[in-house]
Amino acid sequence: MLRIKSPPQNSYFAEQIYQATQREEPAAVKALTEFVTVYVSFIGATALIWNAPGSIFLVGGIVSKMTAWMAKAYFLNAFLNKVVWQPL
């Protein structure tokens, strides 16, 4: 098992990246956009695997701290960008 005793130099914590997005720093905005896109795409795939026909409830620390990012158009696009949902 890999154990890291301290963060590598030039690394940032999630809170620092989020704060940088509030200042509209391009690298932070891109990083958070990519994270949310991958995260939501995974949630959409999981909904298909579990055959969730009704609703999907997103809860927890990530979602509660990033509601503004989760409300953006690319969120829904990443969630629905599955071949079986294309007719929707």
N, C-alpha and C. Protein backbone atom coordinates (compact mmCIF):
# COMPACT_ATOMS: atom_id res chain seq x y z
N MET A 1 0.84 -1.17 0.00
CA MET A 1 0.00 0.00 0.00
C MET A 1 0.89 1.24 0.00
N LEU A 2 0.52 2.19 -0.82
CA LEU A 2 1.24 3.46 -0.91
C LEU A 2 0.80 4.39 0.21
N ARG A 3 1.75 4.90 0.94
CA ARG A 3 1.44 5.86 2.01
C ARG A 3 2.16 7.16 1.74
N ILE A 4 1.42 8.22 1.73
CA ILE A 4 2.00 9.54 1.51
C ILE A 4 1.93 10.27 2.85
N LYS A 5 3.09 10.65 3.37
CA LYS A 5 3.14 11.30 4.68
C LYS A 5 2.75 12.77 4.59
N SER A 6 3.05 13.40 3.51
CA SER A 6 2.68 14.80 3.33
C SER A 6 2.36 15.01 1.85
N PRO A 7 1.55 16.02 1.55
CA PRO A 7 1.21 16.26 0.15
C PRO A 7 2.45 16.65 -0.65
N PRO A 8 2.50 16.24 -1.91
CA PRO A 8 3.62 16.64 -2.75
C PRO A 8 3.68 18.16 -2.90
N GLN A 9 4.86 18.67 -3.18
CA GLN A 9 4.98 20.10 -3.42
C GLN A 9 4.14 20.48 -4.63
N ASN A 10 3.66 21.69 -4.62
CA ASN A 10 2.82 22.22 -5.70
C ASN A 10 1.49 21.50 -5.83
N SER A 11 1.02 20.90 -4.75
CA SER A 11 -0.31 20.28 -4.79
C SER A 11 -1.27 21.18 -4.02
N TYR A 12 -2.54 21.02 -4.31
CA TYR A 12 -3.56 21.86 -3.70
C TYR A 12 -4.64 20.98 -3.11
N PHE A 13 -5.24 21.46 -2.05
CA PHE A 13 -6.35 20.76 -1.44
C PHE A 13 -7.65 21.21 -2.11
N ALA A 14 -8.69 20.42 -1.98
CA ALA A 14 -9.96 20.72 -2.63
C ALA A 14 -10.48 22.10 -2.26
N GLU A 15 -10.37 22.46 -0.99
CA GLU A 15 -10.86 23.77 -0.54
C GLU A 15 -10.11 24.91 -1.22
N GLN A 16 -8.81 24.74 -1.42
CA GLN A 16 -8.02 25.78 -2.09
C GLN A 16 -8.44 25.93 -3.55
N ILE A 17 -8.70 24.82 -4.19
CA ILE A 17 -9.14 24.87 -5.59
C ILE A 17 -10.50 25.52 -5.69
N TYR A 18 -11.40 25.16 -4.77
CA TYR A 18 -12.73 25.74 -4.78
C TYR A 18 -12.65 27.25 -4.56
N GLN A 19 -11.83 27.68 -3.63
CA GLN A 19 -11.67 29.12 -3.38
C GLN A 19 -11.10 29.83 -4.61
N ALA A 20 -10.21 29.17 -5.32
CA ALA A 20 -9.64 29.75 -6.54
C ALA A 20 -10.71 29.89 -7.62
N THR A 21 -11.70 28.99 -7.64
CA THR A 21 -12.79 29.13 -8.62
C THR A 21 -13.64 30.35 -8.29
N GLN A 22 -13.74 30.69 -7.02
CA GLN A 22 -14.49 31.89 -6.63
C GLN A 22 -13.81 33.15 -7.14
N ARG A 23 -12.48 33.08 -7.31
CA ARG A 23 -11.72 34.20 -7.87
C ARG A 23 -11.62 34.09 -9.39
N GLU A 24 -12.28 33.07 -9.95
CA GLU A 24 -12.34 32.81 -11.38
C GLU A 24 -10.95 32.56 -11.99
N GLU A 25 -10.11 31.87 -11.26
CA GLU A 25 -8.80 31.49 -11.79
C GLU A 25 -9.01 30.38 -12.81
N PRO A 26 -8.54 30.57 -14.04
CA PRO A 26 -8.85 29.63 -15.13
C PRO A 26 -8.48 28.18 -14.84
N ALA A 27 -7.32 27.92 -14.28
CA ALA A 27 -6.91 26.54 -14.02
C ALA A 27 -7.83 25.88 -13.00
N ALA A 28 -8.24 26.62 -11.99
CA ALA A 28 -9.13 26.06 -10.97
C ALA A 28 -10.52 25.80 -11.55
N VAL A 29 -11.01 26.72 -12.35
CA VAL A 29 -12.32 26.54 -12.99
C VAL A 29 -12.30 25.31 -13.88
N LYS A 30 -11.24 25.15 -14.65
CA LYS A 30 -11.12 23.97 -15.52
C LYS A 30 -11.05 22.69 -14.71
N ALA A 31 -10.27 22.70 -13.62
CA ALA A 31 -10.14 21.51 -12.78
C ALA A 31 -11.48 21.13 -12.16
N LEU A 32 -12.21 22.10 -11.65
CA LEU A 32 -13.49 21.79 -11.02
C LEU A 32 -14.54 21.38 -12.04
N THR A 33 -14.51 21.99 -13.21
CA THR A 33 -15.43 21.59 -14.28
C THR A 33 -15.17 20.15 -14.69
N GLU A 34 -13.91 19.78 -14.85
CA GLU A 34 -13.56 18.40 -15.21
C GLU A 34 -13.98 17.43 -14.11
N PHE A 35 -13.73 17.79 -12.85
CA PHE A 35 -14.11 16.93 -11.74
C PHE A 35 -15.61 16.69 -11.72
N VAL A 36 -16.39 17.77 -11.82
CA VAL A 36 -17.84 17.64 -11.77
C VAL A 36 -18.34 16.82 -12.96
N THR A 37 -17.77 17.03 -14.12
CA THR A 37 -18.18 16.27 -15.30
C THR A 37 -17.93 14.78 -15.12
N VAL A 38 -16.77 14.40 -14.64
CA VAL A 38 -16.46 12.99 -14.42
C VAL A 38 -17.33 12.42 -13.30
N TYR A 39 -17.47 13.17 -12.23
CA TYR A 39 -18.28 12.73 -11.08
C TYR A 39 -19.72 12.45 -11.50
N VAL A 40 -20.31 13.38 -12.23
CA VAL A 40 -21.70 13.25 -12.64
C VAL A 40 -21.87 12.17 -13.71
N SER A 41 -20.90 12.04 -14.57
CA SER A 41 -20.95 10.97 -15.57
C SER A 41 -20.97 9.61 -14.88
N PHE A 42 -20.16 9.48 -13.84
CA PHE A 42 -20.15 8.24 -13.06
C PHE A 42 -21.51 8.01 -12.39
N ILE A 43 -22.09 9.06 -11.85
CA ILE A 43 -23.41 8.93 -11.21
C ILE A 43 -24.45 8.47 -12.23
N GLY A 44 -24.39 9.03 -13.43
CA GLY A 44 -25.32 8.62 -14.48
C GLY A 44 -25.13 7.16 -14.87
N ALA A 45 -23.89 6.73 -14.97
CA ALA A 45 -23.61 5.32 -15.29
C ALA A 45 -24.09 4.41 -14.16
N THR A 46 -23.91 4.85 -12.94
CA THR A 46 -24.37 4.06 -11.80
C THR A 46 -25.89 3.94 -11.79
N ALA A 47 -26.57 5.01 -12.16
CA ALA A 47 -28.03 4.96 -12.24
C ALA A 47 -28.47 3.92 -13.26
N LEU A 48 -27.75 3.80 -14.35
CA LEU A 48 -28.08 2.78 -15.36
C LEU A 48 -27.82 1.37 -14.83
N ILE A 49 -26.70 1.21 -14.16
CA ILE A 49 -26.34 -0.12 -13.62
C ILE A 49 -27.37 -0.58 -12.59
N TRP A 50 -27.78 0.33 -11.72
CA TRP A 50 -28.73 -0.02 -10.66
C TRP A 50 -30.17 0.07 -11.12
N ASN A 51 -30.38 0.44 -12.37
CA ASN A 51 -31.72 0.56 -12.93
C ASN A 51 -32.61 1.44 -12.05
N ALA A 52 -32.18 2.67 -11.88
CA ALA A 52 -32.92 3.62 -11.06
C ALA A 52 -33.96 4.33 -11.91
N PRO A 53 -35.18 3.79 -11.97
CA PRO A 53 -36.18 4.34 -12.88
C PRO A 53 -36.85 5.62 -12.39
N GLY A 54 -36.81 5.90 -11.10
CA GLY A 54 -37.53 7.06 -10.57
C GLY A 54 -36.66 8.28 -10.45
N SER A 55 -35.88 8.31 -9.41
CA SER A 55 -35.08 9.50 -9.10
C SER A 55 -33.70 9.11 -8.63
N ILE A 56 -32.81 10.06 -8.71
CA ILE A 56 -31.46 9.92 -8.17
C ILE A 56 -31.31 11.03 -7.13
N PHE A 57 -30.93 10.67 -5.94
CA PHE A 57 -30.71 11.66 -4.89
C PHE A 57 -29.22 11.79 -4.67
N LEU A 58 -28.72 13.00 -4.81
CA LEU A 58 -27.30 13.26 -4.59
C LEU A 58 -27.15 13.94 -3.24
N VAL A 59 -26.44 13.28 -2.35
CA VAL A 59 -26.24 13.82 -1.00
C VAL A 59 -24.78 13.67 -0.63
N GLY A 60 -24.41 14.32 0.42
CA GLY A 60 -23.05 14.17 0.93
C GLY A 60 -22.25 15.44 0.83
N GLY A 61 -21.03 15.36 1.28
CA GLY A 61 -20.15 16.52 1.37
C GLY A 61 -19.84 17.16 0.04
N ILE A 62 -19.58 16.36 -0.98
CA ILE A 62 -19.22 16.93 -2.28
C ILE A 62 -20.38 17.74 -2.84
N VAL A 63 -21.54 17.15 -2.86
CA VAL A 63 -22.70 17.81 -3.46
C VAL A 63 -23.11 19.04 -2.66
N SER A 64 -23.13 18.93 -1.34
CA SER A 64 -23.60 20.05 -0.53
C SER A 64 -22.68 21.25 -0.61
N LYS A 65 -21.41 21.03 -0.91
CA LYS A 65 -20.46 22.13 -1.00
C LYS A 65 -20.35 22.70 -2.41
N MET A 66 -20.94 22.02 -3.37
CA MET A 66 -20.77 22.44 -4.76
C MET A 66 -22.10 22.58 -5.49
N THR A 67 -23.12 23.00 -4.81
CA THR A 67 -24.44 23.09 -5.44
C THR A 67 -24.46 24.04 -6.64
N ALA A 68 -23.71 25.13 -6.59
CA ALA A 68 -23.67 26.05 -7.73
C ALA A 68 -23.09 25.37 -8.96
N TRP A 69 -22.08 24.53 -8.76
CA TRP A 69 -21.47 23.82 -9.89
C TRP A 69 -22.38 22.73 -10.41
N MET A 70 -23.14 22.12 -9.51
CA MET A 70 -24.04 21.04 -9.92
C MET A 70 -25.26 21.57 -10.67
N ALA A 71 -25.51 22.87 -10.60
CA ALA A 71 -26.67 23.46 -11.27
C ALA A 71 -26.35 23.92 -12.70
N LYS A 72 -25.12 23.77 -13.12
CA LYS A 72 -24.73 24.25 -14.45
C LYS A 72 -25.18 23.26 -15.53
N ALA A 73 -25.29 23.75 -16.75
CA ALA A 73 -25.82 22.93 -17.85
C ALA A 73 -24.97 21.69 -18.12
N TYR A 74 -23.65 21.80 -18.00
CA TYR A 74 -22.82 20.64 -18.31
C TYR A 74 -23.04 19.51 -17.31
N PHE A 75 -23.56 19.83 -16.13
CA PHE A 75 -23.91 18.79 -15.14
C PHE A 75 -24.94 17.84 -15.73
N LEU A 76 -26.05 18.40 -16.19
CA LEU A 76 -27.12 17.57 -16.76
C LEU A 76 -26.65 16.88 -18.04
N ASN A 77 -25.86 17.57 -18.86
CA ASN A 77 -25.35 16.95 -20.09
C ASN A 77 -24.47 15.74 -19.77
N ALA A 78 -23.60 15.87 -18.78
CA ALA A 78 -22.73 14.76 -18.40
C ALA A 78 -23.54 13.61 -17.83
N PHE A 79 -24.58 13.94 -17.07
CA PHE A 79 -25.42 12.90 -16.48
C PHE A 79 -26.20 12.13 -17.54
N LEU A 80 -26.73 12.86 -18.51
CA LEU A 80 -27.59 12.23 -19.53
C LEU A 80 -26.83 11.74 -20.75
N ASN A 81 -25.55 12.00 -20.85
CA ASN A 81 -24.79 11.64 -22.04
C ASN A 81 -24.48 10.13 -22.06
N LYS A 82 -25.55 9.36 -22.14
CA LYS A 82 -25.46 7.91 -22.22
C LYS A 82 -26.26 7.47 -23.44
N VAL A 83 -25.75 6.51 -24.16
CA VAL A 83 -26.40 6.09 -25.40
C VAL A 83 -27.86 5.68 -25.18
N VAL A 84 -28.15 4.97 -24.10
CA VAL A 84 -29.52 4.52 -23.89
C VAL A 84 -30.47 5.66 -23.56
N TRP A 85 -29.96 6.82 -23.15
CA TRP A 85 -30.80 7.96 -22.83
C TRP A 85 -30.86 8.98 -23.95
N GLN A 86 -30.24 8.75 -25.07
CA GLN A 86 -30.20 9.72 -26.15
C GLN A 86 -31.60 10.16 -26.61
N PRO A 87 -32.59 9.25 -26.69
CA PRO A 87 -33.93 9.70 -27.11
C PRO A 87 -34.56 10.69 -26.13
N LEU A 88 -34.12 10.70 -24.87
CA LEU A 88 -34.70 11.62 -23.89
C LEU A 88 -34.26 13.01 -24.22
